[in-house]
Structure formats: structure tokens, C-alpha cells
């Protein structure tokens, strides 16, 4: 039987050796194992091959019959780690807060605990007749949002 812990540790170690992060391992129907990796500079086919080879080296293919897929984490998938925020600084994102607000803005900063969006907001200045649009930085802790994802435009 396929040992999930051994497989996941091999994938994590191989990813770390290439300055990548193991995002998740999915065990899908029909004995398909999907390994998702990511890094600040993206993922190359050589990275996927290295992780694939490392996983296959620790399993007994005579006993365990499964299909293995190693891929980079998708550009349209929600951010899961601070790594995703760091690599997308400068990009336009959508964030759904824990209290249900949906914000769209430019990701301007991120660290291990929080990230900052620059959001276009209508602000009424004192003495002005009408509100004006202004870019306002808004900082969130990672646990205060339900999701953040890239906005992909063509």
C-alpha cells in the first residue's frame, strides 16, 4: 500500500532542494496522485521531473500501482502560502475578506504574517463637494481573508 507520508516527504524534500515549496498532494480517484509545487521564480519542467523522480525513488512500483503527476501550482488558483503573495507583488488581485467584503487592488507588499493591497476608494475630503477616487493601502493578516487570487486580464 502506498505510504502517503513517505511520498509527501520525498516530494517536499525534492522541492526544497530546488528552492521550491510543496503546495499540496492530492490523492484522486483511479489511483492518481497529483503533486503541486511552486517557487518565487515559478516552476520549470526540470523541477517537475526532479520531484517526480524523487517520489518514484521511494515507492515500490511492483507493489504500488498509481499514476503520478507533478505540476506547478496554477496561476488562477487561490493563494495558499505567503510565497504566493510574495511572487505576485505588483499584480492585480481579488481578495474576499472573512467578513464578506470583496476587494480588488494591486498587491504592494507581503511578508510571513500579512499583505497589503492598494485599493481604489472613494474618499470625501473635508470641505470638498464631491468624493474623489484615491488609492488607499489596506493591510490584512492571512487569517483575516477567505481567499486571494490573481485577476487575469488579456
Protein backbone atom coordinates (compact mmCIF):
# COMPACT_ATOMS: atom_id res chain seq x y z
CA UNK A 1 0.00 0.00 0.00
CA UNK A 2 1.20 3.47 -0.90
CA UNK A 3 2.69 5.23 2.13
CA UNK A 4 1.40 8.81 1.88
CA UNK A 5 3.80 10.21 4.46
CA UNK A 6 6.88 8.81 2.72
CA UNK A 7 5.65 10.05 -0.67
CA UNK A 8 4.87 13.54 0.65
CA UNK A 9 8.21 13.80 2.49
CA UNK A 10 10.11 12.80 -0.66
CA UNK A 11 8.20 15.40 -2.68
CA UNK A 12 8.78 18.09 -0.05
CA UNK A 13 12.50 17.32 0.22
CA UNK A 14 12.97 17.31 -3.57
CA UNK A 15 11.07 20.59 -3.91
CA UNK A 16 13.08 22.22 -1.11
CA UNK A 17 16.34 21.11 -2.74
CA UNK A 18 15.31 23.18 -5.78
CA UNK A 19 14.18 26.23 -3.71
CA UNK A 20 10.54 25.31 -4.23
CA UNK A 21 7.66 24.61 -1.89
CA UNK A 22 5.36 21.62 -1.85
CA UNK A 23 1.90 23.16 -2.03
CA UNK A 24 -0.20 20.02 -1.79
CA UNK A 25 -0.51 16.37 -2.68
CA UNK A 26 -3.91 15.24 -3.94
CA UNK A 27 -4.98 11.60 -3.97
CA UNK A 28 -7.54 11.40 -6.74
CA UNK A 29 -9.82 8.58 -7.91
CA UNK A 30 -8.41 5.82 -10.11
CA UNK A 31 -5.09 5.82 -8.20
CA UNK A 32 -3.92 9.18 -9.47
CA UNK A 33 -1.51 11.16 -7.28
CA UNK A 34 -1.12 14.86 -8.08
CA UNK A 35 1.82 16.78 -6.58
CA UNK A 36 1.68 20.58 -6.81
CA UNK A 37 4.83 22.67 -6.30
CA UNK A 38 5.65 26.36 -6.60
CA UNK A 39 8.51 28.80 -6.18
CA UNK A 40 9.27 32.52 -6.31
CA UNK A 41 10.64 32.16 -9.82
CA UNK A 42 7.97 29.71 -10.98
CA UNK A 43 8.37 26.05 -11.83
CA UNK A 44 10.22 24.54 -14.78
CA UNK A 45 9.77 21.16 -16.40
CA UNK A 46 13.14 20.17 -14.91
CA UNK A 47 11.75 20.95 -11.45
CA UNK A 48 8.75 18.71 -12.10
CA UNK A 49 10.98 15.89 -13.40
CA UNK A 50 13.25 16.12 -10.33
CA UNK A 51 10.32 15.92 -7.90
CA UNK A 52 8.74 13.10 -9.95
CA UNK A 53 11.99 11.10 -9.87
CA UNK A 54 12.42 11.66 -6.12
CA UNK A 55 8.92 10.38 -5.41
CA UNK A 56 9.32 7.33 -7.64
CA UNK A 57 12.63 6.51 -5.91
CA UNK A 58 10.90 5.96 -2.56
CA UNK A 59 7.95 3.84 -3.66
CA UNK A 60 7.89 0.24 -4.74
CA UNK A 61 6.31 0.28 -8.20
CA UNK A 62 5.83 -3.51 -8.05
CA UNK A 63 3.51 -3.11 -5.06
CA UNK A 64 2.01 0.32 -5.67
CA UNK A 65 0.23 0.93 -8.96
CA UNK A 66 -0.58 4.62 -9.38
CA UNK A 67 -0.32 7.45 -11.85
CA UNK A 68 1.91 10.33 -10.71
CA UNK A 69 1.51 13.90 -11.93
CA UNK A 70 3.84 16.68 -10.79
CA UNK A 71 2.88 20.23 -11.80
CA UNK A 72 3.27 23.86 -10.85
CA UNK A 73 0.52 25.46 -8.82
CA UNK A 74 -1.90 27.23 -11.18
CA UNK A 75 -1.95 30.96 -11.81
CA UNK A 76 -5.74 31.03 -11.37
CA UNK A 77 -5.72 29.08 -8.09
CA UNK A 78 -6.23 30.92 -4.78
CA UNK A 79 -3.09 31.87 -2.88
CA UNK A 80 -2.25 29.41 -0.10
CA UNK A 81 1.16 30.43 1.22
CA UNK A 82 2.99 33.70 1.83
CA UNK A 83 5.13 32.57 -1.13
CA UNK A 84 2.17 33.15 -3.45
CA UNK A 85 1.73 36.69 -2.17
CA UNK A 86 5.46 37.45 -2.45
CA UNK A 87 5.74 36.24 -6.02
CA UNK A 88 2.69 38.27 -7.09
CA UNK A 89 3.69 41.66 -5.66
CA UNK A 90 2.80 44.29 -8.23
CA UNK A 91 -0.02 42.22 -9.68
CA UNK A 92 -3.74 42.86 -9.58
CA UNK A 93 -5.60 40.56 -7.18
CA UNK A 94 -9.04 39.96 -5.73
CA UNK A 95 -9.44 39.31 -2.01
CA UNK A 96 -12.50 38.09 -0.17
CA UNK A 97 -12.28 39.06 3.49
CA UNK A 98 -13.57 36.91 6.34
CA UNK A 99 -16.38 39.42 6.87
CA UNK A 100 -17.53 39.06 3.23
CA UNK A 101 -16.03 42.17 1.58
CA UNK A 102 -14.60 41.61 -1.89
CA UNK A 103 -11.74 43.95 -2.75
CA UNK A 104 -9.81 44.35 -5.95
CA UNK A 105 -6.44 46.06 -5.99
CA UNK A 106 -2.72 45.89 -6.52
CA UNK A 107 -0.69 43.69 -4.20
CA UNK A 108 2.03 46.04 -2.93
CA UNK A 109 3.68 44.19 -0.03
CA UNK A 110 3.74 40.83 1.73
CA UNK A 111 5.65 39.07 4.49
CA UNK A 112 5.18 35.97 6.62
CA UNK A 113 2.24 37.47 8.57
CA UNK A 114 0.34 39.92 6.38
CA UNK A 115 -0.06 41.51 2.97
CA UNK A 116 -1.05 44.95 1.67
CA UNK A 117 -3.34 45.87 -1.19
CA UNK A 118 -3.60 49.28 -2.77
CA UNK A 119 -7.34 49.73 -3.37
CA UNK A 120 -9.12 52.47 -5.31
CA UNK A 121 -11.54 54.04 -2.81
CA UNK A 122 -13.93 56.97 -2.93
CA UNK A 123 -12.88 59.46 -0.25
CA UNK A 124 -14.68 62.67 0.69
CA UNK A 125 -12.18 65.26 1.75
CA UNK A 126 -13.10 67.93 4.26
CA UNK A 127 -14.51 70.97 2.51
CA UNK A 128 -14.89 69.16 -0.85
CA UNK A 129 -18.27 68.96 -2.52
CA UNK A 130 -17.74 65.53 -4.02
CA UNK A 131 -15.76 62.44 -3.08
CA UNK A 132 -12.66 61.70 -5.11
CA UNK A 133 -11.10 58.37 -6.07
CA UNK A 134 -7.88 57.69 -4.25
CA UNK A 135 -5.54 54.70 -3.92
CA UNK A 136 -5.54 53.60 -0.27
CA UNK A 137 -3.29 50.88 1.20
CA UNK A 138 -5.17 48.20 3.14
CA UNK A 139 -3.28 45.59 5.17
CA UNK A 140 -4.65 42.14 6.03
CA UNK A 141 -3.37 39.25 8.08
CA UNK A 142 -3.56 35.98 6.16
CA UNK A 143 -6.12 34.54 8.54
CA UNK A 144 -8.47 37.50 8.01
CA UNK A 145 -9.19 36.59 4.37
CA UNK A 146 -11.08 33.69 2.83
CA UNK A 147 -9.11 33.86 -0.39
CA UNK A 148 -6.87 35.97 -2.58
CA UNK A 149 -6.36 35.20 -6.26
CA UNK A 150 -4.85 36.75 -9.35
CA UNK A 151 -7.03 38.76 -11.68
CA UNK A 152 -6.14 37.58 -15.14
CA UNK A 153 -6.79 40.03 -17.97
CA UNK A 154 -5.92 39.89 -21.64
